[in-house]
């Protein structure tokens, strides 16, 4: 099959960001890569129609989020891998950064999927409320309420974990 014009360039420019966003949403690097693959496959199938969409990134994020929510509905998706990664850094600074990331990932993992998605899209990908609503296929008011609830939960979880409130 022939590669649609412009698709490869789009993927090269956005793939790393998509994988990082998917990782923050899922907390699992393998699942994040799978989700990005699923989303890009779906976008590729419709590329000639969607490449001229006003907010192409928002469209791709929406496809990614729908794939994620679809996988979450499957029974096996409730399994959570565990590992002791606290000693992953080699220097004290690396260990602190690793611990901070693990703490944040643990806190994000405790959010319901919709709240986690809004927090990641709003604060990691720096999307506006409107862009986030488009990506998630919901109203702007839903984005506002889910973001507020998500940040409130994150603050409470971070306090429990002893790390203080996130600086979002």
N, C-alpha and C. Protein backbone atom coordinates (compact mmCIF):
# COMPACT_ATOMS: atom_id res chain seq x y z
N UNK A 1 0.83 -1.18 0.00
CA UNK A 1 0.00 0.00 0.00
C UNK A 1 0.88 1.25 0.00
N UNK A 2 0.41 2.28 -0.64
CA UNK A 2 1.16 3.53 -0.75
C UNK A 2 0.92 4.39 0.49
N UNK A 3 2.00 4.93 1.00
CA UNK A 3 1.92 5.81 2.18
C UNK A 3 1.20 7.10 1.78
N UNK A 4 0.18 7.51 2.53
CA UNK A 4 -0.51 8.77 2.21
C UNK A 4 0.44 9.96 2.33
N UNK A 5 0.27 10.91 1.43
CA UNK A 5 1.15 12.09 1.38
C UNK A 5 1.04 12.90 2.67
N UNK A 6 2.18 13.13 3.30
CA UNK A 6 2.25 13.95 4.51
C UNK A 6 2.12 13.18 5.81
N UNK A 7 1.70 11.93 5.75
CA UNK A 7 1.49 11.16 6.97
C UNK A 7 2.81 10.86 7.67
N UNK A 8 3.80 10.42 6.91
CA UNK A 8 5.09 10.08 7.51
C UNK A 8 5.72 11.30 8.19
N UNK A 9 5.62 12.46 7.58
CA UNK A 9 6.17 13.67 8.18
C UNK A 9 5.44 14.01 9.48
N UNK A 10 4.12 13.85 9.46
CA UNK A 10 3.33 14.11 10.67
C UNK A 10 3.78 13.19 11.79
N UNK A 11 3.91 11.91 11.50
CA UNK A 11 4.29 10.93 12.51
C UNK A 11 5.69 11.24 13.04
N UNK A 12 6.63 11.53 12.17
CA UNK A 12 7.99 11.85 12.61
C UNK A 12 8.01 13.05 13.54
N UNK A 13 7.17 14.03 13.27
CA UNK A 13 7.15 15.23 14.09
C UNK A 13 6.39 15.10 15.40
N UNK A 14 5.48 14.11 15.49
CA UNK A 14 4.61 14.03 16.66
C UNK A 14 4.72 12.74 17.47
N UNK A 15 5.36 11.74 16.95
CA UNK A 15 5.34 10.43 17.60
C UNK A 15 5.88 10.45 19.03
N UNK A 16 6.99 11.10 19.26
CA UNK A 16 7.56 11.13 20.61
C UNK A 16 6.60 11.80 21.60
N UNK A 17 6.00 12.90 21.20
CA UNK A 17 5.04 13.60 22.06
C UNK A 17 3.82 12.73 22.33
N UNK A 18 3.33 12.03 21.31
CA UNK A 18 2.19 11.14 21.48
C UNK A 18 2.51 10.01 22.45
N UNK A 19 3.70 9.43 22.32
CA UNK A 19 4.09 8.33 23.21
C UNK A 19 4.22 8.84 24.65
N UNK A 20 4.83 10.01 24.83
CA UNK A 20 4.96 10.55 26.19
C UNK A 20 3.58 10.84 26.80
N UNK A 21 2.69 11.41 26.01
CA UNK A 21 1.34 11.69 26.51
C UNK A 21 0.62 10.40 26.85
N UNK A 22 0.73 9.41 25.99
CA UNK A 22 0.08 8.12 26.25
C UNK A 22 0.67 7.46 27.49
N UNK A 23 1.98 7.62 27.69
CA UNK A 23 2.60 7.05 28.89
C UNK A 23 2.08 7.72 30.16
N UNK A 24 1.94 9.04 30.11
CA UNK A 24 1.41 9.74 31.29
C UNK A 24 -0.02 9.33 31.58
N UNK A 25 -0.77 9.03 30.55
CA UNK A 25 -2.16 8.63 30.72
C UNK A 25 -2.25 7.20 31.24
N UNK A 26 -1.41 6.32 30.73
CA UNK A 26 -1.51 4.89 31.07
C UNK A 26 -0.61 4.46 32.21
N UNK A 27 0.56 5.10 32.33
CA UNK A 27 1.54 4.67 33.33
C UNK A 27 2.29 3.41 32.92
N UNK A 28 2.15 3.01 31.67
CA UNK A 28 2.77 1.78 31.18
C UNK A 28 3.38 2.08 29.81
N UNK A 29 4.69 1.99 29.70
CA UNK A 29 5.35 2.37 28.45
C UNK A 29 4.96 1.47 27.28
N UNK A 30 4.77 0.19 27.54
CA UNK A 30 4.39 -0.72 26.46
C UNK A 30 2.97 -0.44 25.97
N UNK A 31 2.06 -0.23 26.90
CA UNK A 31 0.69 0.11 26.54
C UNK A 31 0.65 1.45 25.82
N UNK A 32 1.47 2.40 26.25
CA UNK A 32 1.52 3.70 25.59
C UNK A 32 1.93 3.55 24.13
N UNK A 33 2.95 2.75 23.88
CA UNK A 33 3.39 2.53 22.50
C UNK A 33 2.31 1.83 21.69
N UNK A 34 1.62 0.87 22.31
CA UNK A 34 0.53 0.19 21.62
C UNK A 34 -0.59 1.16 21.27
N UNK A 35 -0.94 2.03 22.22
CA UNK A 35 -2.01 3.00 21.98
C UNK A 35 -1.66 3.95 20.84
N UNK A 36 -0.43 4.42 20.82
CA UNK A 36 -0.01 5.32 19.75
C UNK A 36 -0.07 4.59 18.42
N UNK A 37 0.35 3.34 18.41
CA UNK A 37 0.29 2.54 17.18
C UNK A 37 -1.15 2.39 16.70
N UNK A 38 -2.05 2.09 17.63
CA UNK A 38 -3.48 1.95 17.29
C UNK A 38 -4.02 3.27 16.75
N UNK A 39 -3.72 4.37 17.45
CA UNK A 39 -4.22 5.68 17.03
C UNK A 39 -3.68 6.06 15.65
N UNK A 40 -2.39 5.86 15.43
CA UNK A 40 -1.81 6.23 14.14
C UNK A 40 -2.33 5.35 13.02
N UNK A 41 -2.59 4.09 13.32
CA UNK A 41 -3.18 3.21 12.30
C UNK A 41 -4.57 3.71 11.91
N UNK A 42 -5.36 4.10 12.89
CA UNK A 42 -6.71 4.61 12.60
C UNK A 42 -6.65 5.93 11.84
N UNK A 43 -5.72 6.80 12.20
CA UNK A 43 -5.58 8.07 11.49
C UNK A 43 -5.08 7.82 10.07
N UNK A 44 -4.14 6.90 9.91
CA UNK A 44 -3.60 6.57 8.59
C UNK A 44 -4.71 6.13 7.64
N UNK A 45 -5.66 5.35 8.15
CA UNK A 45 -6.76 4.86 7.31
C UNK A 45 -7.62 6.00 6.79
N UNK A 46 -7.67 7.10 7.51
CA UNK A 46 -8.52 8.23 7.14
C UNK A 46 -7.71 9.49 6.78
N UNK A 47 -6.41 9.32 6.57
CA UNK A 47 -5.52 10.45 6.42
C UNK A 47 -5.96 11.44 5.34
N UNK A 48 -6.36 10.97 4.20
CA UNK A 48 -6.74 11.88 3.11
C UNK A 48 -7.91 12.77 3.51
N UNK A 49 -8.80 12.29 4.38
CA UNK A 49 -9.93 13.10 4.83
C UNK A 49 -9.56 14.00 5.99
N UNK A 50 -8.69 13.53 6.89
CA UNK A 50 -8.45 14.27 8.12
C UNK A 50 -7.22 15.16 8.10
N UNK A 51 -6.36 15.03 7.13
CA UNK A 51 -5.11 15.81 7.15
C UNK A 51 -5.35 17.31 7.03
N UNK A 52 -6.52 17.70 6.55
CA UNK A 52 -6.83 19.12 6.41
C UNK A 52 -7.72 19.63 7.54
N UNK A 53 -7.94 18.81 8.56
CA UNK A 53 -8.75 19.21 9.71
C UNK A 53 -8.06 20.40 10.38
N UNK A 54 -8.87 21.34 10.85
CA UNK A 54 -8.32 22.56 11.47
C UNK A 54 -7.38 22.24 12.63
N UNK A 55 -7.77 21.31 13.49
CA UNK A 55 -6.96 20.95 14.66
C UNK A 55 -6.58 19.47 14.54
N UNK A 56 -5.62 19.18 13.69
CA UNK A 56 -5.22 17.80 13.44
C UNK A 56 -4.69 17.13 14.70
N UNK A 57 -3.90 17.84 15.48
CA UNK A 57 -3.38 17.26 16.72
C UNK A 57 -4.53 16.89 17.66
N UNK A 58 -5.50 17.76 17.78
CA UNK A 58 -6.66 17.46 18.61
C UNK A 58 -7.39 16.23 18.13
N UNK A 59 -7.50 16.07 16.82
CA UNK A 59 -8.15 14.90 16.25
C UNK A 59 -7.37 13.63 16.63
N UNK A 60 -6.05 13.69 16.50
CA UNK A 60 -5.22 12.53 16.83
C UNK A 60 -5.31 12.21 18.32
N UNK A 61 -5.29 13.24 19.17
CA UNK A 61 -5.43 13.01 20.62
C UNK A 61 -6.78 12.37 20.94
N UNK A 62 -7.80 12.79 20.22
CA UNK A 62 -9.12 12.20 20.44
C UNK A 62 -9.12 10.72 20.06
N UNK A 63 -8.50 10.39 18.94
CA UNK A 63 -8.40 8.99 18.54
C UNK A 63 -7.61 8.21 19.58
N UNK A 64 -6.52 8.79 20.08
CA UNK A 64 -5.70 8.16 21.11
C UNK A 64 -6.52 7.92 22.38
N UNK A 65 -7.28 8.92 22.80
CA UNK A 65 -8.08 8.79 24.02
C UNK A 65 -9.18 7.75 23.85
N UNK A 66 -9.80 7.71 22.70
CA UNK A 66 -10.84 6.69 22.47
C UNK A 66 -10.23 5.29 22.49
N UNK A 67 -9.05 5.15 21.93
CA UNK A 67 -8.37 3.84 21.97
C UNK A 67 -8.06 3.47 23.41
N UNK A 68 -7.59 4.42 24.20
CA UNK A 68 -7.28 4.17 25.60
C UNK A 68 -8.52 3.78 26.38
N UNK A 69 -9.59 4.54 26.23
CA UNK A 69 -10.82 4.23 26.96
C UNK A 69 -11.39 2.88 26.52
N UNK A 70 -11.22 2.54 25.26
CA UNK A 70 -11.67 1.23 24.78
C UNK A 70 -10.88 0.10 25.41
N UNK A 71 -9.59 0.27 25.53
CA UNK A 71 -8.75 -0.75 26.15
C UNK A 71 -9.06 -0.86 27.63
N UNK A 72 -9.33 0.26 28.28
CA UNK A 72 -9.64 0.23 29.72
C UNK A 72 -10.90 -0.57 30.01
N UNK A 73 -11.79 -0.64 29.04
CA UNK A 73 -13.03 -1.38 29.25
C UNK A 73 -12.80 -2.90 29.25
N UNK A 74 -11.69 -3.31 28.66
CA UNK A 74 -11.40 -4.74 28.61
C UNK A 74 -10.97 -5.23 29.99
N UNK A 75 -11.31 -6.42 30.30
CA UNK A 75 -11.05 -6.97 31.62
C UNK A 75 -9.57 -7.01 31.98
N UNK A 76 -8.71 -7.43 31.06
CA UNK A 76 -7.29 -7.57 31.36
C UNK A 76 -6.62 -6.22 31.64
N UNK A 77 -7.27 -5.14 31.26
CA UNK A 77 -6.67 -3.82 31.44
C UNK A 77 -6.59 -3.43 32.91
N UNK A 78 -7.26 -4.16 33.79
CA UNK A 78 -7.20 -3.81 35.21
C UNK A 78 -5.94 -4.34 35.87
N UNK A 79 -5.18 -5.16 35.18
CA UNK A 79 -3.91 -5.65 35.74
C UNK A 79 -2.91 -4.51 35.73
N UNK A 80 -2.11 -4.42 36.79
CA UNK A 80 -1.11 -3.37 36.89
C UNK A 80 0.24 -3.99 37.19
N UNK A 81 1.21 -3.84 36.29
CA UNK A 81 2.54 -4.37 36.57
C UNK A 81 3.20 -3.58 37.70
N UNK A 82 4.04 -4.24 38.47
CA UNK A 82 4.76 -3.56 39.54
C UNK A 82 6.24 -3.88 39.45
N UNK A 83 7.02 -2.98 39.93
CA UNK A 83 8.47 -3.18 39.98
C UNK A 83 9.04 -2.16 40.95
N UNK A 84 10.14 -2.51 41.59
CA UNK A 84 10.80 -1.58 42.49
C UNK A 84 11.84 -0.82 41.68
N UNK A 85 11.51 0.39 41.27
CA UNK A 85 12.39 1.19 40.43
C UNK A 85 13.05 2.34 41.18
N UNK A 86 12.91 2.38 42.49
CA UNK A 86 13.40 3.53 43.23
C UNK A 86 14.91 3.67 43.16
N UNK A 87 15.64 2.62 42.92
CA UNK A 87 17.09 2.71 42.84
C UNK A 87 17.60 2.82 41.43
N UNK A 88 16.74 3.28 40.48
CA UNK A 88 17.13 3.29 39.08
C UNK A 88 18.22 4.31 38.75
N UNK A 89 18.31 5.41 39.46
CA UNK A 89 19.31 6.43 39.17
C UNK A 89 20.68 6.03 39.67
N UNK A 90 21.71 6.61 39.08
CA UNK A 90 23.07 6.27 39.51
C UNK A 90 23.62 7.30 40.48
N UNK A 91 23.23 8.55 40.32
CA UNK A 91 23.66 9.60 41.23
C UNK A 91 22.48 10.03 42.09
N UNK A 92 22.75 10.70 43.19
CA UNK A 92 21.67 11.12 44.09
C UNK A 92 20.65 11.98 43.35
N UNK A 93 21.10 12.89 42.49
CA UNK A 93 20.18 13.73 41.73
C UNK A 93 19.28 12.90 40.82
N UNK A 94 19.87 11.89 40.18
CA UNK A 94 19.09 11.00 39.32
C UNK A 94 18.06 10.24 40.13
N UNK A 95 18.44 9.81 41.32
CA UNK A 95 17.50 9.08 42.18
C UNK A 95 16.34 9.97 42.60
N UNK A 96 16.63 11.23 42.92
CA UNK A 96 15.56 12.16 43.29
C UNK A 96 14.59 12.38 42.15
N UNK A 97 15.13 12.58 40.94
CA UNK A 97 14.28 12.79 39.77
C UNK A 97 13.46 11.54 39.49
N UNK A 98 14.09 10.37 39.59
CA UNK A 98 13.38 9.12 39.36
C UNK A 98 12.27 8.95 40.40
N UNK A 99 12.56 9.22 41.65
CA UNK A 99 11.56 9.10 42.70
C UNK A 99 10.41 10.08 42.48
N UNK A 100 10.75 11.32 42.08
CA UNK A 100 9.70 12.31 41.78
C UNK A 100 8.80 11.83 40.66
N UNK A 101 9.40 11.30 39.60
CA UNK A 101 8.61 10.80 38.47
C UNK A 101 7.74 9.63 38.88
N UNK A 102 8.30 8.71 39.67
CA UNK A 102 7.52 7.56 40.12
C UNK A 102 6.37 8.01 41.02
N UNK A 103 6.62 8.99 41.86
CA UNK A 103 5.56 9.50 42.73
C UNK A 103 4.46 10.14 41.89
N UNK A 104 4.83 10.95 40.91
CA UNK A 104 3.84 11.57 40.05
C UNK A 104 3.08 10.51 39.25
N UNK A 105 3.79 9.51 38.72
CA UNK A 105 3.12 8.45 37.97
C UNK A 105 2.16 7.68 38.86
N UNK A 106 2.55 7.44 40.10
CA UNK A 106 1.67 6.75 41.04
C UNK A 106 0.43 7.59 41.31
N UNK A 107 0.64 8.89 41.49
CA UNK A 107 -0.50 9.78 41.74
C UNK A 107 -1.42 9.84 40.51
N UNK A 108 -0.85 9.95 39.32
CA UNK A 108 -1.66 9.96 38.11
C UNK A 108 -2.43 8.66 37.94
N UNK A 109 -1.80 7.55 38.29
CA UNK A 109 -2.45 6.24 38.14
C UNK A 109 -3.67 6.10 39.05
N UNK A 110 -3.72 6.89 40.09
CA UNK A 110 -4.86 6.83 41.02
C UNK A 110 -6.06 7.64 40.54
N UNK A 111 -5.86 8.43 39.49
CA UNK A 111 -6.98 9.20 38.95
C UNK A 111 -7.83 8.32 38.04
N UNK A 112 -9.13 8.57 38.00
CA UNK A 112 -9.96 7.88 37.02
C UNK A 112 -9.49 8.26 35.61
N UNK A 113 -9.72 7.40 34.63
CA UNK A 113 -9.19 7.64 33.28
C UNK A 113 -9.53 9.01 32.68
N UNK A 114 -10.75 9.48 32.84
CA UNK A 114 -11.15 10.75 32.24
C UNK A 114 -10.42 11.92 32.91
N UNK A 115 -10.28 11.88 34.23
CA UNK A 115 -9.56 12.95 34.94
C UNK A 115 -8.09 12.93 34.55
N UNK A 116 -7.51 11.73 34.48
CA UNK A 116 -6.10 11.61 34.10
C UNK A 116 -5.90 12.19 32.70
N UNK A 117 -6.81 11.87 31.80
CA UNK A 117 -6.69 12.37 30.43
C UNK A 117 -6.77 13.88 30.38
N UNK A 118 -7.70 14.48 31.11
CA UNK A 118 -7.82 15.94 31.07
C UNK A 118 -6.59 16.61 31.68
N UNK A 119 -6.07 16.07 32.77
CA UNK A 119 -4.88 16.66 33.40
C UNK A 119 -3.68 16.57 32.45
N UNK A 120 -3.49 15.42 31.82
CA UNK A 120 -2.35 15.25 30.91
C UNK A 120 -2.50 16.17 29.70
N UNK A 121 -3.68 16.17 29.10
CA UNK A 121 -3.87 17.00 27.91
C UNK A 121 -3.74 18.49 28.23
N UNK A 122 -4.28 18.91 29.37
CA UNK A 122 -4.24 20.33 29.72
C UNK A 122 -2.85 20.79 30.14
N UNK A 123 -2.18 20.01 31.00
CA UNK A 123 -0.95 20.50 31.62
C UNK A 123 0.33 19.92 31.04
N UNK A 124 0.27 18.72 30.50
CA UNK A 124 1.48 18.18 29.88
C UNK A 124 1.56 18.60 28.42
N UNK A 125 0.45 18.46 27.71
CA UNK A 125 0.44 18.84 26.29
C UNK A 125 0.06 20.30 26.09
N UNK A 126 -0.32 20.98 27.17
CA UNK A 126 -0.63 22.40 27.15
C UNK A 126 -1.74 22.75 26.15
N UNK A 127 -2.76 21.89 26.09
CA UNK A 127 -3.90 22.17 25.24
C UNK A 127 -4.86 23.10 25.97
N UNK A 128 -5.58 23.89 25.22
CA UNK A 128 -6.60 24.77 25.81
C UNK A 128 -7.78 23.90 26.25
N UNK A 129 -8.70 24.51 26.99
CA UNK A 129 -9.90 23.77 27.39
C UNK A 129 -10.69 23.32 26.17
N UNK A 130 -10.79 24.18 25.17
CA UNK A 130 -11.52 23.85 23.94
C UNK A 130 -10.84 22.71 23.19
N UNK A 131 -9.52 22.77 23.06
CA UNK A 131 -8.79 21.71 22.36
C UNK A 131 -8.91 20.38 23.10
N UNK A 132 -8.86 20.43 24.43
CA UNK A 132 -9.01 19.23 25.23
C UNK A 132 -10.40 18.65 25.05
N UNK A 133 -11.41 19.50 25.05
CA UNK A 133 -12.79 19.05 24.85
C UNK A 133 -12.94 18.37 23.49
N UNK A 134 -12.32 18.96 22.46
CA UNK A 134 -12.36 18.35 21.13
C UNK A 134 -11.66 17.00 21.13
N UNK A 135 -10.50 16.93 21.78
CA UNK A 135 -9.75 15.68 21.81
C UNK A 135 -10.50 14.57 22.54
N UNK A 136 -11.24 14.94 23.57
CA UNK A 136 -11.97 13.95 24.37
C UNK A 136 -13.40 13.75 23.90
N UNK A 137 -13.86 14.61 23.00
CA UNK A 137 -15.22 14.50 22.51
C UNK A 137 -16.26 14.83 23.57
N UNK A 138 -16.00 15.89 24.33
CA UNK A 138 -16.93 16.28 25.39
C UNK A 138 -17.05 17.80 25.41
N UNK A 139 -17.87 18.32 26.31
CA UNK A 139 -18.08 19.75 26.43
C UNK A 139 -16.93 20.40 27.20
N UNK A 140 -16.74 21.69 26.98
CA UNK A 140 -15.71 22.44 27.70
C UNK A 140 -15.98 22.41 29.20
N UNK A 141 -17.24 22.48 29.59
CA UNK A 141 -17.59 22.41 31.01
C UNK A 141 -17.16 21.10 31.64
N UNK A 142 -17.25 20.02 30.88
CA UNK A 142 -16.79 18.72 31.38
C UNK A 142 -15.29 18.73 31.60
N UNK A 143 -14.57 19.35 30.67
CA UNK A 143 -13.12 19.46 30.81
C UNK A 143 -12.79 20.24 32.08
N UNK A 144 -13.48 21.35 32.30
CA UNK A 144 -13.22 22.17 33.48
C UNK A 144 -13.47 21.39 34.76
N UNK A 145 -14.60 20.69 34.82
CA UNK A 145 -14.92 19.95 36.06
C UNK A 145 -13.98 18.77 36.26
N UNK A 146 -13.66 18.04 35.18
CA UNK A 146 -12.77 16.89 35.31
C UNK A 146 -11.35 17.34 35.68
N UNK A 147 -10.93 18.47 35.14
CA UNK A 147 -9.60 19.00 35.49
C UNK A 147 -9.57 19.41 36.95
N UNK A 148 -10.59 20.11 37.41
CA UNK A 148 -10.64 20.54 38.81
C UNK A 148 -10.63 19.33 39.75
N UNK A 149 -11.45 18.34 39.44
CA UNK A 149 -11.50 17.13 40.27
C UNK A 149 -10.16 16.40 40.22
N UNK A 150 -9.57 16.31 39.03
CA UNK A 150 -8.29 15.63 38.89
C UNK A 150 -7.18 16.30 39.68
N UNK A 151 -7.10 17.63 39.60
CA UNK A 151 -6.08 18.36 40.34
C UNK A 151 -6.30 18.24 41.85
N UNK A 152 -7.55 18.28 42.27
CA UNK A 152 -7.86 18.11 43.69
C UNK A 152 -7.42 16.73 44.18
N UNK A 153 -7.73 15.72 43.41
CA UNK A 153 -7.31 14.36 43.77
C UNK A 153 -5.79 14.24 43.77
N UNK A 154 -5.13 14.83 42.77
CA UNK A 154 -3.66 14.79 42.71
C UNK A 154 -3.06 15.45 43.95
N UNK A 155 -3.59 16.59 44.34
CA UNK A 155 -3.08 17.27 45.53
C UNK A 155 -3.22 16.38 46.77
N UNK A 156 -4.39 15.76 46.90
CA UNK A 156 -4.62 14.90 48.07
C UNK A 156 -3.68 13.69 48.04
N UNK A 157 -3.51 13.08 46.89
CA UNK A 157 -2.63 11.91 46.77
C UNK A 157 -1.19 12.31 47.03
N UNK A 158 -0.76 13.44 46.48
CA UNK A 158 0.63 13.88 46.69
C UNK A 158 0.88 14.19 48.16
N UNK A 159 -0.11 14.76 48.84
CA UNK A 159 0.03 15.01 50.28
C UNK A 159 0.18 13.70 51.05
N UNK A 160 -0.61 12.71 50.68
CA UNK A 160 -0.53 11.40 51.33
C UNK A 160 0.83 10.75 51.06
N UNK A 161 1.33 10.92 49.85
CA UNK A 161 2.62 10.34 49.50
C UNK A 161 3.78 11.15 50.07
N UNK A 162 3.47 12.29 50.70
CA UNK A 162 4.51 13.08 51.36
C UNK A 162 5.30 13.97 50.44
N UNK A 163 4.75 14.27 49.27
CA UNK A 163 5.50 15.07 48.32
C UNK A 163 4.96 16.48 48.19
N UNK A 164 3.92 16.82 48.90
CA UNK A 164 3.33 18.14 48.74
C UNK A 164 2.48 18.21 47.50
N UNK A 165 1.92 19.36 47.23
CA UNK A 165 1.03 19.53 46.08
C UNK A 165 1.82 19.66 44.81
N UNK A 166 1.25 19.15 43.68
CA UNK A 166 1.93 19.32 42.40
C UNK A 166 1.86 20.79 41.99
N UNK A 167 2.82 21.23 41.23
CA UNK A 167 2.86 22.63 40.83
C UNK A 167 2.21 22.81 39.47
N UNK A 168 0.94 22.41 39.37
CA UNK A 168 0.20 22.56 38.12
C UNK A 168 -0.58 23.85 38.17
